[in-house]
PDB file of N, CA and C in Angstrom:
ATOM      1  N   UNK A   1     -13.730 -15.218  33.445  1.00  0.00           N
ATOM      2  CA  UNK A   1     -12.473 -15.245  32.597  1.00  0.00           C
ATOM      3  C   UNK A   1     -12.670 -13.247  32.340  1.00  0.00           C
ATOM      4  N   UNK A   2     -11.270 -12.557  32.882  1.00  0.00           N
ATOM      5  CA  UNK A   2     -11.372 -11.151  32.540  1.00  0.00           C
ATOM      6  C   UNK A   2     -11.393 -11.030  30.981  1.00  0.00           C
ATOM      7  N   UNK A   3     -11.924  -9.634  30.552  1.00  0.00           N
ATOM      8  CA  UNK A   3     -11.876  -9.473  29.620  1.00  0.00           C
ATOM      9  C   UNK A   3     -10.835  -8.332  29.589  1.00  0.00           C
ATOM     10  N   UNK A   4     -10.459  -8.015  28.301  1.00  0.00           N
ATOM     11  CA  UNK A   4      -9.425  -6.719  28.348  1.00  0.00           C
ATOM     12  C   UNK A   4     -11.094  -5.745  27.846  1.00  0.00           C
ATOM     13  N   UNK A   5      -9.963  -4.557  28.019  1.00  0.00           N
ATOM     14  CA  UNK A   5     -10.760  -3.312  27.088  1.00  0.00           C
ATOM     15  C   UNK A   5     -10.289  -3.254  26.021  1.00  0.00           C
ATOM     16  N   UNK A   6     -11.595  -3.300  24.683  1.00  0.00           N
ATOM     17  CA  UNK A   6     -11.710  -3.131  23.670  1.00  0.00           C
ATOM     18  C   UNK A   6     -11.166  -2.063  23.062  1.00  0.00           C
ATOM     19  N   UNK A   7     -10.359  -2.019  21.777  1.00  0.00           N
ATOM     20  CA  UNK A   7      -9.600  -1.046  21.196  1.00  0.00           C
ATOM     21  C   UNK A   7      -8.598  -0.376  22.250  1.00  0.00           C
ATOM     22  N   UNK A   8      -7.997  -0.902  22.787  1.00  0.00           N
ATOM     23  CA  UNK A   8      -7.114  -0.522  24.204  1.00  0.00           C
ATOM     24  C   UNK A   8      -5.509  -0.514  23.828  1.00  0.00           C
ATOM     25  N   UNK A   9      -4.856   0.603  23.351  1.00  0.00           N
ATOM     26  CA  UNK A   9      -3.637   0.593  22.670  1.00  0.00           C
ATOM     27  C   UNK A   9      -2.648   0.358  24.003  1.00  0.00           C
ATOM     28  N   UNK A  10      -1.911  -1.080  23.605  1.00  0.00           N
ATOM     29  CA  UNK A  10      -0.583  -1.691  24.499  1.00  0.00           C
ATOM     30  C   UNK A  10       0.885  -0.974  23.869  1.00  0.00           C
ATOM     31  N   UNK A  11       1.390  -0.380  24.893  1.00  0.00           N
ATOM     32  CA  UNK A  11       2.603  -0.105  25.279  1.00  0.00           C
ATOM     33  C   UNK A  11       3.312  -1.080  24.320  1.00  0.00           C
ATOM     34  N   UNK A  12       5.066  -0.658  23.939  1.00  0.00           N
ATOM     35  CA  UNK A  12       6.244  -1.309  23.274  1.00  0.00           C
ATOM     36  C   UNK A  12       6.560  -2.578  24.097  1.00  0.00           C
ATOM     37  N   UNK A  13       6.971  -1.735  25.170  1.00  0.00           N
ATOM     38  CA  UNK A  13       7.467  -2.833  26.649  1.00  0.00           C
ATOM     39  C   UNK A  13       6.270  -3.715  27.269  1.00  0.00           C
ATOM     40  N   UNK A  14       5.243  -3.305  26.973  1.00  0.00           N
ATOM     41  CA  UNK A  14       4.247  -4.285  27.746  1.00  0.00           C
ATOM     42  C   UNK A  14       3.469  -5.498  26.300  1.00  0.00           C
ATOM     43  N   UNK A  15       4.026  -5.124  25.055  1.00  0.00           N
ATOM     44  CA  UNK A  15       3.655  -6.483  24.098  1.00  0.00           C
ATOM     45  C   UNK A  15       5.060  -7.194  24.261  1.00  0.00           C
ATOM     46  N   UNK A  16       6.241  -6.541  24.357  1.00  0.00           N
ATOM     47  CA  UNK A  16       7.408  -7.147  24.191  1.00  0.00           C
ATOM     48  C   UNK A  16       7.249  -7.718  25.769  1.00  0.00           C
ATOM     49  N   UNK A  17       7.060  -7.599  26.571  1.00  0.00           N
ATOM     50  CA  UNK A  17       6.692  -8.227  28.005  1.00  0.00           C
ATOM     51  C   UNK A  17       6.030  -9.559  27.741  1.00  0.00           C
ATOM     52  N   UNK A  18       5.174  -9.588  26.925  1.00  0.00           N
ATOM     53  CA  UNK A  18       3.969 -10.655  26.712  1.00  0.00           C
ATOM     54  C   UNK A  18       4.934 -11.540  26.105  1.00  0.00           C
ATOM     55  N   UNK A  19       5.204 -11.583  25.097  1.00  0.00           N
ATOM     56  CA  UNK A  19       6.019 -12.214  23.959  1.00  0.00           C
ATOM     57  C   UNK A  19       6.828 -12.738  24.636  1.00  0.00           C
ATOM     58  N   UNK A  20       7.932 -12.218  25.416  1.00  0.00           N
ATOM     59  CA  UNK A  20       8.907 -12.723  26.080  1.00  0.00           C
ATOM     60  C   UNK A  20       8.243 -13.704  26.748  1.00  0.00           C
ATOM     61  N   UNK A  21       7.653 -13.382  27.794  1.00  0.00           N
ATOM     62  CA  UNK A  21       6.738 -14.367  28.801  1.00  0.00           C
ATOM     63  C   UNK A  21       6.141 -15.707  28.197  1.00  0.00           C
ATOM     64  N   UNK A  22       5.400 -15.313  27.164  1.00  0.00           N
ATOM     65  CA  UNK A  22       4.874 -16.447  26.785  1.00  0.00           C
ATOM     66  C   UNK A  22       5.612 -17.438  25.773  1.00  0.00           C
ATOM     67  N   UNK A  23       7.107 -16.721  25.403  1.00  0.00           N
ATOM     68  CA  UNK A  23       8.018 -17.679  24.946  1.00  0.00           C
ATOM     69  C   UNK A  23       8.513 -18.186  26.122  1.00  0.00           C
ATOM     70  N   UNK A  24       9.361 -17.931  26.840  1.00  0.00           N
ATOM     71  CA  UNK A  24       9.746 -18.125  28.231  1.00  0.00           C
ATOM     72  C   UNK A  24       9.006 -19.564  28.778  1.00  0.00           C
ATOM     73  N   UNK A  25       7.782 -19.150  28.997  1.00  0.00           N
ATOM     74  CA  UNK A  25       6.976 -20.145  29.852  1.00  0.00           C
ATOM     75  C   UNK A  25       6.106 -21.069  29.003  1.00  0.00           C
ATOM     76  N   UNK A  26       6.685 -20.852  27.631  1.00  0.00           N
ATOM     77  CA  UNK A  26       5.906 -21.923  26.261  1.00  0.00           C
ATOM     78  C   UNK A  26       4.533 -21.929  26.684  1.00  0.00           C
ATOM     79  N   UNK A  27       3.623 -20.753  26.535  1.00  0.00           N
ATOM     80  CA  UNK A  27       2.089 -20.802  27.007  1.00  0.00           C
ATOM     81  C   UNK A  27       1.658 -20.382  25.659  1.00  0.00           C
ATOM     82  N   UNK A  28       0.494 -20.611  25.665  1.00  0.00           N
ATOM     83  CA  UNK A  28      -0.232 -20.382  24.534  1.00  0.00           C
ATOM     84  C   UNK A  28      -0.900 -19.207  24.113  1.00  0.00           C
ATOM     85  N   UNK A  29      -1.236 -18.715  23.107  1.00  0.00           N
ATOM     86  CA  UNK A  29      -1.843 -17.031  23.365  1.00  0.00           C
ATOM     87  C   UNK A  29      -3.051 -16.788  23.616  1.00  0.00           C
ATOM     88  N   UNK A  30      -3.855 -17.431  23.563  1.00  0.00           N
ATOM     89  CA  UNK A  30      -4.837 -17.592  24.768  1.00  0.00           C
ATOM     90  C   UNK A  30      -4.508 -17.500  26.470  1.00  0.00           C
ATOM     91  N   UNK A  31      -3.791 -18.476  26.255  1.00  0.00           N
ATOM     92  CA  UNK A  31      -3.342 -18.412  27.860  1.00  0.00           C
ATOM     93  C   UNK A  31      -2.216 -16.752  28.280  1.00  0.00           C
ATOM     94  N   UNK A  32      -1.669 -16.534  27.208  1.00  0.00           N
ATOM     95  CA  UNK A  32      -1.891 -15.618  27.525  1.00  0.00           C
ATOM     96  C   UNK A  32      -2.660 -14.342  27.208  1.00  0.00           C
ATOM     97  N   UNK A  33      -3.194 -13.773  26.496  1.00  0.00           N
ATOM     98  CA  UNK A  33      -3.986 -13.308  26.563  1.00  0.00           C
ATOM     99  C   UNK A  33      -4.986 -13.015  28.032  1.00  0.00           C
ATOM    100  N   UNK A  34      -5.052 -14.495  28.230  1.00  0.00           N
ATOM    101  CA  UNK A  34      -6.044 -14.310  29.427  1.00  0.00           C
ATOM    102  C   UNK A  34      -5.059 -13.907  30.710  1.00  0.00           C
ATOM    103  N   UNK A  35      -4.293 -14.340  30.986  1.00  0.00           N
ATOM    104  CA  UNK A  35      -2.848 -13.929  31.768  1.00  0.00           C
ATOM    105  C   UNK A  35      -2.738 -12.494  31.914  1.00  0.00           C
ATOM    106  N   UNK A  36      -2.624 -11.872  30.723  1.00  0.00           N
ATOM    107  CA  UNK A  36      -2.383 -10.294  30.582  1.00  0.00           C
ATOM    108  C   UNK A  36      -3.480  -9.631  30.105  1.00  0.00           C
ATOM    109  N   UNK A  37      -4.854 -10.141  30.435  1.00  0.00           N
ATOM    110  CA  UNK A  37      -6.160  -9.540  30.141  1.00  0.00           C
ATOM    111  C   UNK A  37      -5.898  -8.519  29.327  1.00  0.00           C
ATOM    112  N   UNK A  38      -5.824  -9.131  27.888  1.00  0.00           N
ATOM    113  CA  UNK A  38      -5.397  -8.863  26.432  1.00  0.00           C
ATOM    114  C   UNK A  38      -7.038  -9.298  26.015  1.00  0.00           C
ATOM    115  N   UNK A  39      -8.001  -8.282  25.105  1.00  0.00           N
ATOM    116  CA  UNK A  39      -9.493  -9.016  24.840  1.00  0.00           C
ATOM    117  C   UNK A  39      -8.942  -9.614  23.651  1.00  0.00           C
ATOM    118  N   UNK A  40      -8.089  -9.516  22.986  1.00  0.00           N
ATOM    119  CA  UNK A  40      -8.408 -10.562  21.595  1.00  0.00           C
ATOM    120  C   UNK A  40      -6.981 -11.476  21.517  1.00  0.00           C
ATOM    121  N   UNK A  41      -6.757 -12.884  21.191  1.00  0.00           N
ATOM    122  CA  UNK A  41      -5.539 -13.562  21.014  1.00  0.00           C
ATOM    123  C   UNK A  41      -4.845 -13.379  19.995  1.00  0.00           C
ATOM    124  N   UNK A  42      -5.957 -12.883  18.782  1.00  0.00           N
ATOM    125  CA  UNK A  42      -4.773 -12.435  17.675  1.00  0.00           C
ATOM    126  C   UNK A  42      -4.103 -11.708  17.911  1.00  0.00           C
ATOM    127  N   UNK A  43      -4.107 -10.340  18.644  1.00  0.00           N
ATOM    128  CA  UNK A  43      -2.796  -9.265  19.046  1.00  0.00           C
ATOM    129  C   UNK A  43      -1.706 -10.419  19.282  1.00  0.00           C
ATOM    130  N   UNK A  44      -2.028 -10.719  20.650  1.00  0.00           N
ATOM    131  CA  UNK A  44      -0.757 -11.759  21.017  1.00  0.00           C
ATOM    132  C   UNK A  44      -0.047 -12.519  20.084  1.00  0.00           C
ATOM    133  N   UNK A  45      -0.839 -12.739  18.822  1.00  0.00           N
ATOM    134  CA  UNK A  45      -0.050 -13.489  17.475  1.00  0.00           C
ATOM    135  C   UNK A  45       0.421 -12.352  16.765  1.00  0.00           C
ATOM    136  N   UNK A  46      -0.220 -11.741  16.621  1.00  0.00           N
ATOM    137  CA  UNK A  46       0.560 -10.839  16.092  1.00  0.00           C
ATOM    138  C   UNK A  46       1.688 -10.099  16.645  1.00  0.00           C
ATOM    139  N   UNK A  47       1.508  -9.757  17.634  1.00  0.00           N
ATOM    140  CA  UNK A  47       3.114  -9.204  18.427  1.00  0.00           C
ATOM    141  C   UNK A  47       4.317 -10.467  18.232  1.00  0.00           C
ATOM    142  N   UNK A  48       4.040 -11.520  18.417  1.00  0.00           N
ATOM    143  CA  UNK A  48       4.671 -12.404  18.241  1.00  0.00           C
ATOM    144  C   UNK A  48       5.470 -12.656  16.857  1.00  0.00           C
ATOM    145  N   UNK A  49       4.507 -12.673  15.724  1.00  0.00           N
ATOM    146  CA  UNK A  49       5.008 -12.720  14.594  1.00  0.00           C
ATOM    147  C   UNK A  49       5.860 -11.343  14.363  1.00  0.00           C
ATOM    148  N   UNK A  50       5.337  -9.777  14.828  1.00  0.00           N
ATOM    149  CA  UNK A  50       6.724  -9.013  14.838  1.00  0.00           C
ATOM    150  C   UNK A  50       7.927  -8.964  15.023  1.00  0.00           C
ATOM    151  N   UNK A  51       7.702 -10.051  16.420  1.00  0.00           N
ATOM    152  CA  UNK A  51       8.944  -9.664  16.986  1.00  0.00           C
ATOM    153  C   UNK A  51      10.072 -10.713  16.487  1.00  0.00           C
ATOM    154  N   UNK A  52       9.272 -11.942  16.037  1.00  0.00           N
ATOM    155  CA  UNK A  52      10.108 -12.830  15.453  1.00  0.00           C
ATOM    156  C   UNK A  52      10.625 -12.376  13.958  1.00  0.00           C
ATOM    157  N   UNK A  53      10.012 -11.940  13.285  1.00  0.00           N
ATOM    158  CA  UNK A  53       9.935 -11.721  11.729  1.00  0.00           C
ATOM    159  C   UNK A  53      11.138 -10.415  11.815  1.00  0.00           C
ATOM    160  N   UNK A  54      10.803  -9.102  12.727  1.00  0.00           N
ATOM    161  CA  UNK A  54      11.225  -8.222  12.775  1.00  0.00           C
ATOM    162  C   UNK A  54      12.179  -7.544  13.474  1.00  0.00           C
ATOM    163  N   UNK A  55      11.525  -7.991  14.811  1.00  0.00           N
ATOM    164  CA  UNK A  55      12.977  -7.806  15.708  1.00  0.00           C
ATOM    165  C   UNK A  55      11.755  -7.477  17.254  1.00  0.00           C
ATOM    166  N   UNK A  56      12.340  -6.951  18.102  1.00  0.00           N
ATOM    167  CA  UNK A  56      11.558  -6.687  19.510  1.00  0.00           C
ATOM    168  C   UNK A  56      11.323  -5.128  18.954  1.00  0.00           C
ATOM    169  N   UNK A  57      12.059  -4.597  18.432  1.00  0.00           N
ATOM    170  CA  UNK A  57      11.797  -2.726  18.291  1.00  0.00           C
ATOM    171  C   UNK A  57      11.050  -2.497  17.628  1.00  0.00           C
ATOM    172  N   UNK A  58      10.803  -3.610  16.843  1.00  0.00           N
ATOM    173  CA  UNK A  58       9.461  -2.924  15.909  1.00  0.00           C
ATOM    174  C   UNK A  58       7.546  -2.908  16.934  1.00  0.00           C
ATOM    175  N   UNK A  59       8.121  -3.635  18.210  1.00  0.00           N
ATOM    176  CA  UNK A  59       6.761  -3.797  18.460  1.00  0.00           C
ATOM    177  C   UNK A  59       6.246  -2.180  19.245  1.00  0.00           C
ATOM    178  N   UNK A  60       7.254  -1.645  18.996  1.00  0.00           N
ATOM    179  CA  UNK A  60       6.623   0.316  19.565  1.00  0.00           C
ATOM    180  C   UNK A  60       6.465   0.882  18.009  1.00  0.00           C
ATOM    181  N   UNK A  61       6.605   0.344  17.478  1.00  0.00           N
ATOM    182  CA  UNK A  61       6.030   1.491  16.155  1.00  0.00           C
ATOM    183  C   UNK A  61       4.471   0.972  15.981  1.00  0.00           C
ATOM    184  N   UNK A  62       3.713   2.539  15.933  1.00  0.00           N
ATOM    185  CA  UNK A  62       2.318   2.558  16.063  1.00  0.00           C
ATOM    186  C   UNK A  62       2.001   1.943  14.456  1.00  0.00           C
ATOM    187  N   UNK A  63       0.870   0.890  14.301  1.00  0.00           N
ATOM    188  CA  UNK A  63       0.619   0.089  13.145  1.00  0.00           C
ATOM    189  C   UNK A  63      -0.983   0.205  13.034  1.00  0.00           C
ATOM    190  N   UNK A  64      -1.777   0.959  13.665  1.00  0.00           N
ATOM    191  CA  UNK A  64      -2.996   0.903  13.515  1.00  0.00           C
ATOM    192  C   UNK A  64      -3.779   2.075  12.393  1.00  0.00           C
ATOM    193  N   UNK A  65      -4.360   1.377  11.311  1.00  0.00           N
ATOM    194  CA  UNK A  65      -5.487   2.079  10.535  1.00  0.00           C
ATOM    195  C   UNK A  65      -4.334   1.808   9.238  1.00  0.00           C
ATOM    196  N   UNK A  66      -4.760   2.347   8.083  1.00  0.00           N
ATOM    197  CA  UNK A  66      -4.430   2.422   7.109  1.00  0.00           C
ATOM    198  C   UNK A  66      -2.706   2.954   6.572  1.00  0.00           C
ATOM    199  N   UNK A  67      -1.723   3.106   6.012  1.00  0.00           N
ATOM    200  CA  UNK A  67      -0.437   3.853   5.801  1.00  0.00           C
ATOM    201  C   UNK A  67      -1.211   4.328   4.816  1.00  0.00           C
ATOM    202  N   UNK A  68      -0.756   5.616   5.018  1.00  0.00           N
ATOM    203  CA  UNK A  68      -0.842   6.806   3.832  1.00  0.00           C
ATOM    204  C   UNK A  68      -0.127   6.910   3.007  1.00  0.00           C
ATOM    205  N   UNK A  69      -0.458   6.806   1.599  1.00  0.00           N
ATOM    206  CA  UNK A  69       0.060   6.539   0.077  1.00  0.00           C
ATOM    207  C   UNK A  69       0.237   7.857   0.094  1.00  0.00           C
ATOM    208  N   UNK A  70      -0.360   8.581   0.500  1.00  0.00           N
ATOM    209  CA  UNK A  70       0.267  10.482   0.153  1.00  0.00           C
ATOM    210  C   UNK A  70      -0.273  10.902  -1.150  1.00  0.00           C
ATOM    211  N   UNK A  71       0.265  12.242  -1.526  1.00  0.00           N
ATOM    212  CA  UNK A  71       0.285  12.627  -2.853  1.00  0.00           C
ATOM    213  C   UNK A  71       1.074  12.049  -3.523  1.00  0.00           C
ATOM    214  N   UNK A  72       1.162  11.643  -5.246  1.00  0.00           N
ATOM    215  CA  UNK A  72       2.279  11.360  -5.789  1.00  0.00           C
ATOM    216  C   UNK A  72       3.278  12.474  -5.842  1.00  0.00           C
ATOM    217  N   UNK A  73       4.583  12.028  -5.927  1.00  0.00           N
ATOM    218  CA  UNK A  73       5.369  13.185  -6.186  1.00  0.00           C
ATOM    219  C   UNK A  73       5.233  13.834  -7.385  1.00  0.00           C
ATOM    220  N   UNK A  74       5.592  15.401  -7.265  1.00  0.00           N
ATOM    221  CA  UNK A  74       5.355  15.944  -8.522  1.00  0.00           C
ATOM    222  C   UNK A  74       6.760  15.706  -9.122  1.00  0.00           C
ATOM    223  N   UNK A  75       6.340  16.025 -10.580  1.00  0.00           N
ATOM    224  CA  UNK A  75       7.387  15.773 -12.065  1.00  0.00           C
ATOM    225  C   UNK A  75       8.169  17.092 -11.430  1.00  0.00           C
ATOM    226  N   UNK A  76       9.611  16.865 -11.177  1.00  0.00           N
ATOM    227  CA  UNK A  76      10.553  18.486 -12.042  1.00  0.00           C
ATOM    228  C   UNK A  76      10.071  18.880 -12.833  1.00  0.00           C
ATOM    229  N   UNK A  77      10.013  20.370 -13.010  1.00  0.00           N
ATOM    230  CA  UNK A  77       9.332  21.059 -14.295  1.00  0.00           C
ATOM    231  C   UNK A  77       9.743  20.908 -15.527  1.00  0.00           C
ATOM    232  N   UNK A  78      10.776  20.220 -15.964  1.00  0.00           N
ATOM    233  CA  UNK A  78      11.651  19.834 -17.161  1.00  0.00           C
ATOM    234  C   UNK A  78      10.865  18.826 -17.656  1.00  0.00           C
ATOM    235  N   UNK A  79      10.753  18.386 -16.646  1.00  0.00           N
ATOM    236  CA  UNK A  79      10.266  16.913 -17.212  1.00  0.00           C
ATOM    237  C   UNK A  79       8.875  16.751 -17.247  1.00  0.00           C
ATOM    238  N   UNK A  80       7.859  17.480 -16.929  1.00  0.00           N
ATOM    239  CA  UNK A  80       6.679  17.848 -17.159  1.00  0.00           C
ATOM    240  C   UNK A  80       6.676  18.703 -18.271  1.00  0.00           C
ATOM    241  N   UNK A  81       7.521  20.043 -18.833  1.00  0.00           N
ATOM    242  CA  UNK A  81       7.263  20.636 -19.902  1.00  0.00           C
ATOM    243  C   UNK A  81       7.408  19.882 -21.203  1.00  0.00           C
ATOM    244  N   UNK A  82       8.792  18.600 -21.056  1.00  0.00           N
ATOM    245  CA  UNK A  82       9.242  17.918 -21.829  1.00  0.00           C
ATOM    246  C   UNK A  82       7.551  16.757 -22.214  1.00  0.00           C
ATOM    247  N   UNK A  83       6.887  16.115 -21.442  1.00  0.00           N
ATOM    248  CA  UNK A  83       5.685  15.286 -21.285  1.00  0.00           C
ATOM    249  C   UNK A  83       4.795  16.693 -22.158  1.00  0.00           C
ATOM    250  N   UNK A  84       4.679  17.301 -21.963  1.00  0.00           N
ATOM    251  CA  UNK A  84       3.493  18.554 -22.247  1.00  0.00           C
ATOM    252  C   UNK A  84       3.968  18.669 -23.922  1.00  0.00           C
ATOM    253  N   UNK A  85       5.113  18.800 -24.453  1.00  0.00           N
ATOM    254  CA  UNK A  85       5.660  18.750 -25.649  1.00  0.00           C
ATOM    255  C   UNK A  85       5.209  17.539 -26.489  1.00  0.00           C
ATOM    256  N   UNK A  86       5.503  16.590 -25.674  1.00  0.00           N
ATOM    257  CA  UNK A  86       5.158  15.235 -26.134  1.00  0.00           C
ATOM    258  C   UNK A  86       4.084  15.128 -26.776  1.00  0.00           C
ATOM    259  N   UNK A  87       3.111  14.993 -25.862  1.00  0.00           N
ATOM    260  CA  UNK A  87       1.461  15.068 -25.720  1.00  0.00           C
ATOM    261  C   UNK A  87       1.665  15.869 -27.298  1.00  0.00           C
ATOM    262  N   UNK A  88       1.262  17.343 -27.503  1.00  0.00           N
ATOM    263  CA  UNK A  88       1.329  18.138 -28.174  1.00  0.00           C
ATOM    264  C   UNK A  88       1.568  17.255 -29.829  1.00  0.00           C
ATOM    265  N   UNK A  89       2.805  17.190 -29.682  1.00  0.00           N
ATOM    266  CA  UNK A  89       3.365  16.302 -30.805  1.00  0.00           C
ATOM    267  C   UNK A  89       2.790  15.190 -31.446  1.00  0.00           C
ATOM    268  N   UNK A  90       2.135  14.567 -30.295  1.00  0.00           N
ATOM    269  CA  UNK A  90       2.009  13.139 -30.456  1.00  0.00           C
ATOM    270  C   UNK A  90      -0.259  13.660 -31.372  1.00  0.00           C
ATOM    271  N   UNK A  91      -0.422  14.365 -30.795  1.00  0.00           N
ATOM    272  CA  UNK A  91      -1.620  14.808 -31.378  1.00  0.00           C
ATOM    273  C   UNK A  91      -1.632  15.299 -32.173  1.00  0.00           C
ATOM    274  N   UNK A  92      -0.740  16.329 -32.739  1.00  0.00           N
ATOM    275  CA  UNK A  92      -0.440  17.159 -34.211  1.00  0.00           C
ATOM    276  C   UNK A  92      -0.472  15.788 -35.096  1.00  0.00           C
ATOM    277  N   UNK A  93       0.682  14.630 -34.521  1.00  0.00           N
ATOM    278  CA  UNK A  93       0.769  13.591 -35.490  1.00  0.00           C
ATOM    279  C   UNK A  93      -0.269  12.734 -35.924  1.00  0.00           C
ATOM    280  N   UNK A  94      -1.361  12.838 -34.789  1.00  0.00           N
ATOM    281  CA  UNK A  94      -2.339  11.725 -35.118  1.00  0.00           C
ATOM    282  C   UNK A  94      -3.206  12.631 -35.425  1.00  0.00           C
ATOM    283  N   UNK A  95      -3.352  13.904 -35.796  1.00  0.00           N
ATOM    284  CA  UNK A  95      -4.325  14.449 -36.871  1.00  0.00           C
ATOM    285  C   UNK A  95      -4.112  14.537 -38.251  1.00  0.00           C
ATOM    286  N   UNK A  96      -2.813  14.532 -38.525  1.00  0.00           N
ATOM    287  CA  UNK A  96      -1.725  14.085 -39.751  1.00  0.00           C
ATOM    288  C   UNK A  96      -2.026  13.064 -40.225  1.00  0.00           C
ATOM    289  N   UNK A  97      -2.203  12.213 -39.606  1.00  0.00           N
ATOM    290  CA  UNK A  97      -2.315  10.671 -39.888  1.00  0.00           C
ATOM    291  C   UNK A  97      -3.470  10.193 -40.472  1.00  0.00           C
ATOM    292  N   UNK A  98      -4.402  11.189 -39.363  1.00  0.00           N
ATOM    293  CA  UNK A  98      -6.454  10.884 -40.204  1.00  0.00           C
ATOM    294  C   UNK A  98      -6.404  11.714 -41.257  1.00  0.00           C
ATOM    295  N   UNK A  99      -5.873  12.911 -41.732  1.00  0.00           N
ATOM    296  CA  UNK A  99      -6.460  13.567 -42.559  1.00  0.00           C
ATOM    297  C   UNK A  99      -5.572  12.578 -44.170  1.00  0.00           C
ATOM    298  N   UNK A 100      -4.484  12.252 -43.441  1.00  0.00           N
ATOM    299  CA  UNK A 100      -3.540  11.455 -44.906  1.00  0.00           C
ATOM    300  C   UNK A 100      -4.742  10.273 -45.392  1.00  0.00           C
ATOM    301  N   UNK A 101      -4.894   9.500 -44.045  1.00  0.00           N
ATOM    302  CA  UNK A 101      -5.902   8.702 -44.337  1.00  0.00           C
ATOM    303  C   UNK A 101      -7.013   9.219 -45.035  1.00  0.00           C
ATOM    304  N   UNK A 102      -7.443  10.123 -44.730  1.00  0.00           N
ATOM    305  CA  UNK A 102      -9.002  10.477 -45.191  1.00  0.00           C
ATOM    306  C   UNK A 102      -8.916  10.907 -47.048  1.00  0.00           C
ATOM    307  N   UNK A 103      -7.372  11.397 -47.231  1.00  0.00           N
ATOM    308  CA  UNK A 103      -7.047  11.413 -48.471  1.00  0.00           C
ATOM    309  C   UNK A 103      -6.827  10.400 -49.348  1.00  0.00           C
ATOM    310  N   UNK A 104      -5.822   9.638 -48.713  1.00  0.00           N
ATOM    311  CA  UNK A 104      -5.921   8.278 -49.485  1.00  0.00           C
ATOM    312  C   UNK A 104      -7.177   7.804 -49.818  1.00  0.00           C
ATOM    313  N   UNK A 105      -7.475   7.417 -48.794  1.00  0.00           N
ATOM    314  CA  UNK A 105      -9.587   6.878 -48.684  1.00  0.00           C
ATOM    315  C   UNK A 105     -10.085   7.312 -50.187  1.00  0.00           C
ATOM    316  N   UNK A 106      -9.551   8.853 -49.938  1.00  0.00           N
ATOM    317  CA  UNK A 106     -10.854   9.692 -51.043  1.00  0.00           C
ATOM    318  C   UNK A 106     -10.098   9.165 -52.350  1.00  0.00           C
ATOM    319  N   UNK A 107      -8.939   9.133 -52.327  1.00  0.00           N
ATOM    320  CA  UNK A 107      -8.013   8.618 -53.815  1.00  0.00           C
ATOM    321  C   UNK A 107      -8.597   7.808 -54.108  1.00  0.00           C
ATOM    322  N   UNK A 108      -8.359   6.714 -53.251  1.00  0.00           N
ATOM    323  CA  UNK A 108      -9.159   5.138 -53.758  1.00  0.00           C
ATOM    324  C   UNK A 108     -10.406   5.340 -54.420  1.00  0.00           C
ATOM    325  N   UNK A 109     -11.159   5.951 -54.022  1.00  0.00           N
ATOM    326  CA  UNK A 109     -12.431   6.160 -54.190  1.00  0.00           C
ATOM    327  C   UNK A 109     -13.147   6.568 -55.750  1.00  0.00           C
ATOM    328  N   UNK A 110     -11.909   7.799 -55.790  1.00  0.00           N
ATOM    329  CA  UNK A 110     -12.130   8.477 -57.342  1.00  0.00           C
ATOM    330  C   UNK A 110     -11.757   7.493 -58.278  1.00  0.00           C
ATOM    331  N   UNK A 111     -10.703   6.223 -57.911  1.00  0.00           N
ATOM    332  CA  UNK A 111     -10.216   6.068 -59.236  1.00  0.00           C
ATOM    333  C   UNK A 111     -11.177   4.282 -59.300  1.00  0.00           C
ATOM    334  N   UNK A 112     -11.894   4.188 -57.913  1.00  0.00           N
ATOM    335  CA  UNK A 112     -13.042   3.539 -58.224  1.00  0.00           C
ATOM    336  C   UNK A 112     -14.122   3.826 -59.376  1.00  0.00           C
ATOM    337  N   UNK A 113     -14.257   4.758 -59.025  1.00  0.00           N
ATOM    338  CA  UNK A 113     -15.349   5.617 -60.068  1.00  0.00           C
ATOM    339  C   UNK A 113     -15.242   5.941 -61.284  1.00  0.00           C
ATOM    340  N   UNK A 114     -13.435   5.938 -62.033  1.00  0.00           N
ATOM    341  CA  UNK A 114     -13.517   6.034 -63.191  1.00  0.00           C
ATOM    342  C   UNK A 114     -13.090   4.676 -63.688  1.00  0.00           C
TER     343      UNK A 114
END
């Protein structure tokens, strides 16, 4: 049984021909892989899934490796400035509340002493 070349890249035309032949002749993934010398029958199965769900033109799209997430989009300058101002305001509010809590606690302690 001939084995295909590992990590071989197949063209979109070849993939489409394999899937259409497989569907026309009603052959299994294993038989299609053997007939066209494809190293893994799972490739044929995924080609058929792409063909049936997304259409034959999607067989021409390169899908190797992970898709790049890229850098997150930069915020507009105004939004970034607004967020920085909000952070500064919240920090100041937090400090104010901490001091207020300390004063209230101090007042309660002084009342308990009396």
